[in-house]
Amino acid sequence: MDWLAPLNTLIGAGIGVGSTLLADRLRWRRDRVNAGQDARRQSYAAFMGALSDAFQKLHEVARGDHDPGEAQTRAHEVFVGSNLYPLRYQLVLIASWSVVEPTNKAFWKIRELRDLVARGVITSSPDFRRLVREYIDAAEEAQVAMRADLGTSWPQRDTP
């Protein structure tokens, strides 16, 4: 009977060490998931901010009274200065395809808008208004995908 007390102590110590290791492992996994989600959140916000900034600046160029050469130069400067290419590549590396696909769609729509503005098209043009609507729809689709990936809610639209 002298061996029961040390055995119980050993079993208790094993349970204590095992539960501590399990808790640490679960905490590490949770922290890793949170860090990944934070990285995605920051990348999504940076990309959407750059996309919005590029759109606003392209809209300003299209409102101006520029000759076609100046409009082309300004439109390309806006796009290059927006940092969209590096931010898009970052998203491709860290986001799931369910986010990358609509993000690419929004990116290509803003590029189409850049090309349209570079040709000297102004804001009152039907082509400009159509492409703005397509861009806004694509950007909204990207936002919905990003919010779904992050697990945040999105307000429901009232359908007519």
N, C-alpha and C. Protein backbone atom coordinates (compact mmCIF):
# COMPACT_ATOMS: atom_id res chain seq x y z
N MET A 1 0.81 -1.20 0.00
CA MET A 1 0.00 0.00 0.00
C MET A 1 0.85 1.26 0.00
N ASP A 2 2.11 1.12 0.26
CA ASP A 2 2.98 2.29 0.27
C ASP A 2 3.14 2.89 -1.13
N TRP A 3 2.89 2.16 -2.15
CA TRP A 3 3.09 2.65 -3.51
C TRP A 3 1.87 3.41 -4.06
N LEU A 4 0.69 3.33 -3.43
CA LEU A 4 -0.50 4.02 -3.91
C LEU A 4 -0.37 5.55 -3.81
N ALA A 5 0.17 6.06 -2.75
CA ALA A 5 0.30 7.52 -2.59
C ALA A 5 1.23 8.10 -3.67
N PRO A 6 2.42 7.54 -3.89
CA PRO A 6 3.26 8.09 -4.96
C PRO A 6 2.63 7.93 -6.35
N LEU A 7 1.91 6.81 -6.57
CA LEU A 7 1.26 6.61 -7.85
C LEU A 7 0.17 7.64 -8.08
N ASN A 8 -0.63 7.91 -7.06
CA ASN A 8 -1.67 8.93 -7.18
C ASN A 8 -1.06 10.32 -7.43
N THR A 9 0.05 10.60 -6.80
CA THR A 9 0.74 11.87 -7.00
C THR A 9 1.24 11.97 -8.42
N LEU A 10 1.81 10.88 -8.91
CA LEU A 10 2.32 10.84 -10.28
C LEU A 10 1.19 11.00 -11.29
N ILE A 11 0.09 10.32 -11.09
CA ILE A 11 -1.07 10.44 -11.99
C ILE A 11 -1.62 11.86 -11.94
N GLY A 12 -1.73 12.45 -10.77
CA GLY A 12 -2.21 13.83 -10.63
C GLY A 12 -1.29 14.82 -11.33
N ALA A 13 0.02 14.60 -11.17
CA ALA A 13 0.98 15.48 -11.84
C ALA A 13 0.86 15.32 -13.35
N GLY A 14 0.69 14.10 -13.84
CA GLY A 14 0.54 13.87 -15.28
C GLY A 14 -0.71 14.55 -15.83
N ILE A 15 -1.78 14.46 -15.09
CA ILE A 15 -3.02 15.13 -15.51
C ILE A 15 -2.83 16.64 -15.52
N GLY A 16 -2.18 17.16 -14.49
CA GLY A 16 -1.94 18.62 -14.41
C GLY A 16 -1.06 19.11 -15.54
N VAL A 17 0.03 18.41 -15.82
CA VAL A 17 0.94 18.80 -16.90
C VAL A 17 0.22 18.66 -18.25
N GLY A 18 -0.51 17.58 -18.43
CA GLY A 18 -1.22 17.37 -19.69
C GLY A 18 -2.27 18.44 -19.95
N SER A 19 -3.02 18.78 -18.91
CA SER A 19 -4.03 19.81 -19.11
C SER A 19 -3.41 21.18 -19.37
N THR A 20 -2.27 21.46 -18.74
CA THR A 20 -1.57 22.72 -19.00
C THR A 20 -1.06 22.77 -20.43
N LEU A 21 -0.47 21.66 -20.90
CA LEU A 21 0.00 21.61 -22.28
C LEU A 21 -1.15 21.75 -23.27
N LEU A 22 -2.27 21.11 -23.00
CA LEU A 22 -3.43 21.20 -23.87
C LEU A 22 -3.96 22.64 -23.91
N ALA A 23 -4.05 23.28 -22.75
CA ALA A 23 -4.53 24.66 -22.69
C ALA A 23 -3.58 25.60 -23.44
N ASP A 24 -2.28 25.39 -23.28
CA ASP A 24 -1.31 26.22 -24.01
C ASP A 24 -1.43 26.01 -25.52
N ARG A 25 -1.61 24.79 -25.93
CA ARG A 25 -1.76 24.49 -27.35
C ARG A 25 -3.02 25.15 -27.92
N LEU A 26 -4.11 25.08 -27.20
CA LEU A 26 -5.35 25.70 -27.65
C LEU A 26 -5.22 27.23 -27.70
N ARG A 27 -4.55 27.79 -26.72
CA ARG A 27 -4.32 29.24 -26.69
C ARG A 27 -3.44 29.65 -27.87
N TRP A 28 -2.41 28.88 -28.16
CA TRP A 28 -1.52 29.18 -29.28
C TRP A 28 -2.29 29.14 -30.60
N ARG A 29 -3.13 28.13 -30.76
CA ARG A 29 -3.92 28.00 -31.99
C ARG A 29 -4.89 29.17 -32.13
N ARG A 30 -5.54 29.56 -31.03
CA ARG A 30 -6.47 30.69 -31.07
C ARG A 30 -5.73 31.99 -31.41
N ASP A 31 -4.56 32.19 -30.81
CA ASP A 31 -3.77 33.40 -31.09
C ASP A 31 -3.32 33.43 -32.55
N ARG A 32 -2.98 32.28 -33.07
CA ARG A 32 -2.55 32.20 -34.47
C ARG A 32 -3.70 32.53 -35.42
N VAL A 33 -4.88 32.02 -35.12
CA VAL A 33 -6.07 32.33 -35.93
C VAL A 33 -6.37 33.83 -35.85
N ASN A 34 -6.31 34.39 -34.65
CA ASN A 34 -6.58 35.82 -34.47
C ASN A 34 -5.56 36.68 -35.22
N ALA A 35 -4.29 36.28 -35.19
CA ALA A 35 -3.25 37.03 -35.89
C ALA A 35 -3.49 36.99 -37.40
N GLY A 36 -3.89 35.84 -37.91
CA GLY A 36 -4.20 35.73 -39.34
C GLY A 36 -5.40 36.57 -39.72
N GLN A 37 -6.39 36.58 -38.87
CA GLN A 37 -7.58 37.39 -39.14
C GLN A 37 -7.23 38.88 -39.09
N ASP A 38 -6.40 39.28 -38.15
CA ASP A 38 -5.98 40.68 -38.07
C ASP A 38 -5.19 41.08 -39.32
N ALA A 39 -4.32 40.20 -39.79
CA ALA A 39 -3.55 40.50 -41.00
C ALA A 39 -4.47 40.65 -42.20
N ARG A 40 -5.46 39.76 -42.33
CA ARG A 40 -6.41 39.87 -43.43
C ARG A 40 -7.23 41.15 -43.31
N ARG A 41 -7.69 41.46 -42.11
CA ARG A 41 -8.48 42.68 -41.90
C ARG A 41 -7.69 43.92 -42.33
N GLN A 42 -6.44 43.99 -41.94
CA GLN A 42 -5.61 45.14 -42.31
C GLN A 42 -5.38 45.20 -43.81
N SER A 43 -5.13 44.05 -44.43
CA SER A 43 -4.93 44.02 -45.88
C SER A 43 -6.20 44.40 -46.62
N TYR A 44 -7.33 43.90 -46.16
CA TYR A 44 -8.60 44.23 -46.80
C TYR A 44 -8.88 45.72 -46.70
N ALA A 45 -8.67 46.27 -45.52
CA ALA A 45 -8.92 47.71 -45.33
C ALA A 45 -7.97 48.54 -46.19
N ALA A 46 -6.71 48.16 -46.25
CA ALA A 46 -5.74 48.91 -47.06
C ALA A 46 -6.12 48.85 -48.54
N PHE A 47 -6.51 47.67 -49.02
CA PHE A 47 -6.87 47.54 -50.44
C PHE A 47 -8.12 48.35 -50.75
N MET A 48 -9.16 48.22 -49.91
CA MET A 48 -10.40 48.95 -50.18
C MET A 48 -10.18 50.45 -50.08
N GLY A 49 -9.32 50.89 -49.16
CA GLY A 49 -9.00 52.31 -49.05
C GLY A 49 -8.29 52.81 -50.29
N ALA A 50 -7.34 52.03 -50.79
CA ALA A 50 -6.60 52.42 -52.00
C ALA A 50 -7.53 52.42 -53.21
N LEU A 51 -8.43 51.46 -53.27
CA LEU A 51 -9.39 51.38 -54.37
C LEU A 51 -10.30 52.62 -54.35
N SER A 52 -10.78 52.97 -53.19
CA SER A 52 -11.64 54.14 -53.05
C SER A 52 -10.90 55.42 -53.40
N ASP A 53 -9.68 55.53 -52.94
CA ASP A 53 -8.86 56.71 -53.22
C ASP A 53 -8.62 56.84 -54.73
N ALA A 54 -8.30 55.74 -55.38
CA ALA A 54 -8.08 55.77 -56.83
C ALA A 54 -9.35 56.18 -57.55
N PHE A 55 -10.48 55.64 -57.11
CA PHE A 55 -11.76 56.01 -57.73
C PHE A 55 -12.02 57.50 -57.60
N GLN A 56 -11.84 58.03 -56.39
CA GLN A 56 -12.10 59.46 -56.17
C GLN A 56 -11.21 60.34 -57.04
N LYS A 57 -9.95 59.97 -57.13
CA LYS A 57 -9.00 60.77 -57.93
C LYS A 57 -9.29 60.65 -59.43
N LEU A 58 -9.67 59.45 -59.88
CA LEU A 58 -10.04 59.30 -61.29
C LEU A 58 -11.30 60.11 -61.60
N HIS A 59 -12.22 60.14 -60.66
CA HIS A 59 -13.44 60.93 -60.83
C HIS A 59 -13.09 62.41 -60.95
N GLU A 60 -12.15 62.87 -60.15
CA GLU A 60 -11.70 64.27 -60.24
C GLU A 60 -11.08 64.56 -61.60
N VAL A 61 -10.27 63.65 -62.09
CA VAL A 61 -9.65 63.84 -63.41
C VAL A 61 -10.74 63.92 -64.47
N ALA A 62 -11.76 63.06 -64.37
CA ALA A 62 -12.83 63.04 -65.36
C ALA A 62 -13.70 64.29 -65.28
N ARG A 63 -13.74 64.94 -64.14
CA ARG A 63 -14.51 66.18 -64.00
C ARG A 63 -13.76 67.38 -64.57
N GLY A 64 -12.45 67.27 -64.63
CA GLY A 64 -11.63 68.39 -65.09
C GLY A 64 -11.74 68.61 -66.59
N ASP A 65 -11.28 69.77 -66.99
CA ASP A 65 -11.28 70.10 -68.41
C ASP A 65 -9.84 69.97 -68.91
N HIS A 66 -9.48 68.75 -69.30
CA HIS A 66 -8.10 68.45 -69.70
C HIS A 66 -8.07 68.03 -71.16
N ASP A 67 -6.96 68.28 -71.78
CA ASP A 67 -6.79 67.71 -73.11
C ASP A 67 -6.49 66.22 -72.93
N PRO A 68 -6.73 65.41 -73.97
CA PRO A 68 -6.56 63.95 -73.83
C PRO A 68 -5.19 63.51 -73.34
N GLY A 69 -4.13 64.18 -73.76
CA GLY A 69 -2.79 63.80 -73.30
C GLY A 69 -2.62 64.02 -71.81
N GLU A 70 -3.12 65.14 -71.32
CA GLU A 70 -3.02 65.41 -69.88
C GLU A 70 -3.90 64.46 -69.08
N ALA A 71 -5.10 64.15 -69.58
CA ALA A 71 -5.99 63.21 -68.89
C ALA A 71 -5.34 61.84 -68.80
N GLN A 72 -4.68 61.43 -69.88
CA GLN A 72 -4.01 60.13 -69.88
C GLN A 72 -2.90 60.10 -68.84
N THR A 73 -2.08 61.13 -68.82
CA THR A 73 -0.98 61.20 -67.86
C THR A 73 -1.50 61.19 -66.43
N ARG A 74 -2.50 62.01 -66.16
CA ARG A 74 -3.03 62.09 -64.79
C ARG A 74 -3.70 60.79 -64.36
N ALA A 75 -4.44 60.17 -65.27
CA ALA A 75 -5.12 58.91 -64.93
C ALA A 75 -4.10 57.83 -64.60
N HIS A 76 -3.04 57.74 -65.37
CA HIS A 76 -2.01 56.73 -65.09
C HIS A 76 -1.24 57.06 -63.80
N GLU A 77 -1.01 58.33 -63.53
CA GLU A 77 -0.35 58.72 -62.28
C GLU A 77 -1.20 58.35 -61.07
N VAL A 78 -2.51 58.56 -61.20
CA VAL A 78 -3.43 58.19 -60.12
C VAL A 78 -3.31 56.71 -59.83
N PHE A 79 -3.32 55.91 -60.88
CA PHE A 79 -3.31 54.47 -60.69
C PHE A 79 -1.99 53.98 -60.10
N VAL A 80 -0.90 54.50 -60.62
CA VAL A 80 0.41 54.09 -60.10
C VAL A 80 0.57 54.53 -58.65
N GLY A 81 0.12 55.74 -58.34
CA GLY A 81 0.25 56.26 -56.99
C GLY A 81 -0.69 55.63 -55.98
N SER A 82 -1.67 54.88 -56.46
CA SER A 82 -2.66 54.28 -55.55
C SER A 82 -2.14 53.08 -54.79
N ASN A 83 -1.06 52.47 -55.26
CA ASN A 83 -0.48 51.29 -54.61
C ASN A 83 -1.37 50.05 -54.73
N LEU A 84 -2.26 50.04 -55.70
CA LEU A 84 -3.19 48.93 -55.84
C LEU A 84 -2.53 47.61 -56.23
N TYR A 85 -1.52 47.66 -57.08
CA TYR A 85 -0.87 46.42 -57.50
C TYR A 85 -0.25 45.68 -56.31
N PRO A 86 0.60 46.32 -55.50
CA PRO A 86 1.17 45.59 -54.36
C PRO A 86 0.11 45.12 -53.36
N LEU A 87 -0.91 45.92 -53.13
CA LEU A 87 -1.96 45.52 -52.20
C LEU A 87 -2.76 44.34 -52.74
N ARG A 88 -2.97 44.32 -54.04
CA ARG A 88 -3.67 43.19 -54.65
C ARG A 88 -2.85 41.91 -54.55
N TYR A 89 -1.54 42.02 -54.79
CA TYR A 89 -0.68 40.85 -54.66
C TYR A 89 -0.65 40.34 -53.23
N GLN A 90 -0.69 41.25 -52.28
CA GLN A 90 -0.74 40.85 -50.87
C GLN A 90 -2.02 40.06 -50.58
N LEU A 91 -3.14 40.53 -51.11
CA LEU A 91 -4.41 39.82 -50.91
C LEU A 91 -4.37 38.43 -51.52
N VAL A 92 -3.77 38.31 -52.68
CA VAL A 92 -3.69 37.01 -53.35
C VAL A 92 -2.93 36.01 -52.47
N LEU A 93 -1.96 36.50 -51.71
CA LEU A 93 -1.17 35.61 -50.86
C LEU A 93 -1.89 35.19 -49.58
N ILE A 94 -2.73 36.06 -49.03
CA ILE A 94 -3.29 35.76 -47.71
C ILE A 94 -4.78 35.47 -47.70
N ALA A 95 -5.49 35.79 -48.77
CA ALA A 95 -6.94 35.64 -48.77
C ALA A 95 -7.35 34.37 -49.49
N SER A 96 -8.55 33.91 -49.17
CA SER A 96 -9.10 32.75 -49.86
C SER A 96 -9.62 33.17 -51.22
N TRP A 97 -9.85 32.19 -52.09
CA TRP A 97 -10.33 32.48 -53.43
C TRP A 97 -11.69 33.19 -53.40
N SER A 98 -12.49 32.91 -52.39
CA SER A 98 -13.80 33.56 -52.29
C SER A 98 -13.67 35.07 -52.10
N VAL A 99 -12.51 35.53 -51.64
CA VAL A 99 -12.24 36.97 -51.51
C VAL A 99 -11.44 37.47 -52.71
N VAL A 100 -10.50 36.68 -53.18
CA VAL A 100 -9.63 37.12 -54.28
C VAL A 100 -10.43 37.35 -55.56
N GLU A 101 -11.38 36.48 -55.85
CA GLU A 101 -12.13 36.61 -57.10
C GLU A 101 -12.91 37.94 -57.18
N PRO A 102 -13.74 38.29 -56.18
CA PRO A 102 -14.42 39.59 -56.28
C PRO A 102 -13.48 40.79 -56.15
N THR A 103 -12.38 40.61 -55.44
CA THR A 103 -11.39 41.68 -55.33
C THR A 103 -10.76 41.95 -56.69
N ASN A 104 -10.42 40.89 -57.40
CA ASN A 104 -9.88 41.05 -58.75
C ASN A 104 -10.89 41.74 -59.67
N LYS A 105 -12.14 41.39 -59.52
CA LYS A 105 -13.18 42.00 -60.35
C LYS A 105 -13.22 43.52 -60.11
N ALA A 106 -13.17 43.93 -58.85
CA ALA A 106 -13.17 45.36 -58.53
C ALA A 106 -11.91 46.03 -59.07
N PHE A 107 -10.78 45.35 -58.94
CA PHE A 107 -9.52 45.87 -59.45
C PHE A 107 -9.59 46.11 -60.95
N TRP A 108 -10.12 45.13 -61.70
CA TRP A 108 -10.19 45.27 -63.15
C TRP A 108 -11.18 46.34 -63.56
N LYS A 109 -12.24 46.54 -62.77
CA LYS A 109 -13.20 47.61 -63.09
C LYS A 109 -12.55 48.98 -62.90
N ILE A 110 -11.74 49.14 -61.86
CA ILE A 110 -11.09 50.43 -61.66
C ILE A 110 -10.04 50.65 -62.75
N ARG A 111 -9.43 49.58 -63.23
CA ARG A 111 -8.50 49.73 -64.36
C ARG A 111 -9.23 50.13 -65.62
N GLU A 112 -10.40 49.56 -65.85
CA GLU A 112 -11.21 49.96 -67.00
C GLU A 112 -11.58 51.44 -66.89
N LEU A 113 -11.92 51.87 -65.67
CA LEU A 113 -12.26 53.27 -65.45
C LEU A 113 -11.05 54.15 -65.71
N ARG A 114 -9.89 53.71 -65.28
CA ARG A 114 -8.65 54.44 -65.57
C ARG A 114 -8.45 54.62 -67.07
N ASP A 115 -8.64 53.53 -67.81
CA ASP A 115 -8.44 53.59 -69.26
C ASP A 115 -9.46 54.51 -69.93
N LEU A 116 -10.69 54.50 -69.42
CA LEU A 116 -11.73 55.36 -69.96
C LEU A 116 -11.40 56.83 -69.70
N VAL A 117 -11.00 57.13 -68.48
CA VAL A 117 -10.63 58.51 -68.11
C VAL A 117 -9.39 58.94 -68.90
N ALA A 118 -8.46 58.02 -69.10
CA ALA A 118 -7.24 58.34 -69.84
C ALA A 118 -7.55 58.71 -71.30
N ARG A 119 -8.66 58.21 -71.82
CA ARG A 119 -9.06 58.57 -73.18
C ARG A 119 -9.77 59.92 -73.24
N GLY A 120 -9.94 60.55 -72.08
CA GLY A 120 -10.55 61.87 -72.04
C GLY A 120 -12.05 61.87 -71.83
N VAL A 121 -12.63 60.72 -71.47
CA VAL A 121 -14.07 60.65 -71.23
C VAL A 121 -14.38 61.41 -69.94
N ILE A 122 -15.49 62.14 -69.95
CA ILE A 122 -15.86 62.96 -68.79
C ILE A 122 -17.01 62.32 -68.02
N THR A 123 -17.29 62.86 -66.84
CA THR A 123 -18.27 62.25 -65.93
C THR A 123 -19.68 62.20 -66.49
N SER A 124 -20.03 63.08 -67.40
CA SER A 124 -21.39 63.09 -67.94
C SER A 124 -21.59 62.04 -69.04
N SER A 125 -20.54 61.38 -69.44
CA SER A 125 -20.63 60.37 -70.49
C SER A 125 -21.40 59.15 -70.00
N PRO A 126 -22.28 58.59 -70.83
CA PRO A 126 -22.99 57.37 -70.45
C PRO A 126 -22.03 56.20 -70.17
N ASP A 127 -20.94 56.12 -70.91
CA ASP A 127 -19.96 55.06 -70.67
C ASP A 127 -19.33 55.21 -69.29
N PHE A 128 -19.03 56.44 -68.91
CA PHE A 128 -18.45 56.70 -67.60
C PHE A 128 -19.43 56.29 -66.50
N ARG A 129 -20.68 56.72 -66.62
CA ARG A 129 -21.68 56.40 -65.59
C ARG A 129 -21.92 54.90 -65.49
N ARG A 130 -21.97 54.20 -66.64
CA ARG A 130 -22.15 52.75 -66.64
C ARG A 130 -20.99 52.05 -65.93
N LEU A 131 -19.78 52.46 -66.25
CA LEU A 131 -18.61 51.83 -65.65
C LEU A 131 -18.49 52.15 -64.16
N VAL A 132 -18.90 53.35 -63.75
CA VAL A 132 -18.91 53.68 -62.32
C VAL A 132 -19.86 52.75 -61.59
N ARG A 133 -21.03 52.52 -62.15
CA ARG A 133 -22.01 51.61 -61.52
C ARG A 133 -21.42 50.20 -61.42
N GLU A 134 -20.78 49.73 -62.48
CA GLU A 134 -20.17 48.40 -62.46
C GLU A 134 -19.06 48.33 -61.41
N TYR A 135 -18.26 49.38 -61.33
CA TYR A 135 -17.19 49.43 -60.31
C TYR A 135 -17.78 49.38 -58.91
N ILE A 136 -18.81 50.20 -58.65
CA ILE A 136 -19.41 50.24 -57.32
C ILE A 136 -19.98 48.87 -56.96
N ASP A 137 -20.65 48.22 -57.91
CA ASP A 137 -21.18 46.87 -57.66
C ASP A 137 -20.06 45.88 -57.35
N ALA A 138 -18.97 45.95 -58.11
CA ALA A 138 -17.84 45.04 -57.89
C ALA A 138 -17.17 45.32 -56.54
N ALA A 139 -17.02 46.58 -56.19
CA ALA A 139 -16.41 46.93 -54.90
C ALA A 139 -17.29 46.46 -53.75
N GLU A 140 -18.58 46.60 -53.90
CA GLU A 140 -19.50 46.13 -52.86
C GLU A 140 -19.44 44.61 -52.73
N GLU A 141 -19.36 43.92 -53.85
CA GLU A 141 -19.24 42.46 -53.84
C GLU A 141 -17.96 42.04 -53.11
N ALA A 142 -16.88 42.76 -53.35
CA ALA A 142 -15.61 42.48 -52.66
C ALA A 142 -15.75 42.72 -51.16
N GLN A 143 -16.42 43.78 -50.78
CA GLN A 143 -16.63 44.07 -49.36
C GLN A 143 -17.44 42.97 -48.69
N VAL A 144 -18.48 42.52 -49.36
CA VAL A 144 -19.31 41.44 -48.80
C VAL A 144 -18.47 40.18 -48.59
N ALA A 145 -17.64 39.84 -49.57
CA ALA A 145 -16.78 38.65 -49.46
C ALA A 145 -15.78 38.82 -48.32
N MET A 146 -15.20 40.00 -48.19
CA MET A 146 -14.24 40.25 -47.11
C MET A 146 -14.91 40.15 -45.75
N ARG A 147 -16.08 40.74 -45.62
CA ARG A 147 -16.79 40.68 -44.34
C ARG A 147 -17.18 39.24 -44.01
N ALA A 148 -17.59 38.48 -45.00
CA ALA A 148 -17.93 37.08 -44.75
C ALA A 148 -16.70 36.31 -44.30
N ASP A 149 -15.55 36.58 -44.93
CA ASP A 149 -14.31 35.90 -44.55
C ASP A 149 -13.90 36.24 -43.12
N LEU A 150 -14.15 37.47 -42.72
CA LEU A 150 -13.79 37.90 -41.36
C LEU A 150 -14.86 37.55 -40.33
N GLY A 151 -16.01 37.10 -40.80
CA GLY A 151 -17.08 36.73 -39.88
C GLY A 151 -17.84 37.91 -39.32
N THR A 152 -17.84 39.02 -40.05
CA THR A 152 -18.59 40.19 -39.59
C THR A 152 -19.87 40.29 -40.40
N SER A 153 -20.89 40.84 -39.78
CA SER A 153 -22.19 40.91 -40.44
C SER A 153 -22.20 42.01 -41.48
N TRP A 154 -23.14 41.89 -42.38
CA TRP A 154 -23.32 42.88 -43.44
C TRP A 154 -24.80 43.23 -43.46
N PRO A 155 -25.11 44.51 -43.48
CA PRO A 155 -26.54 44.87 -43.50
C PRO A 155 -27.22 44.32 -44.74
N GLN A 156 -28.43 43.85 -44.54
CA GLN A 156 -29.19 43.31 -45.65
C GLN A 156 -29.82 44.43 -46.46
N ARG A 157 -29.78 44.28 -47.77
CA ARG A 157 -30.42 45.25 -48.67
C ARG A 157 -31.92 45.00 -48.69
N ASP A 158 -32.64 46.07 -48.80
CA ASP A 158 -34.07 45.94 -49.06
C ASP A 158 -34.24 45.72 -50.54
N THR A 159 -34.84 44.62 -50.92
CA THR A 159 -35.04 44.34 -52.34
C THR A 159 -36.39 44.88 -52.76
N PRO A 160 -36.43 45.54 -53.91
CA PRO A 160 -37.72 46.11 -54.37
C PRO A 160 -38.69 45.06 -54.81
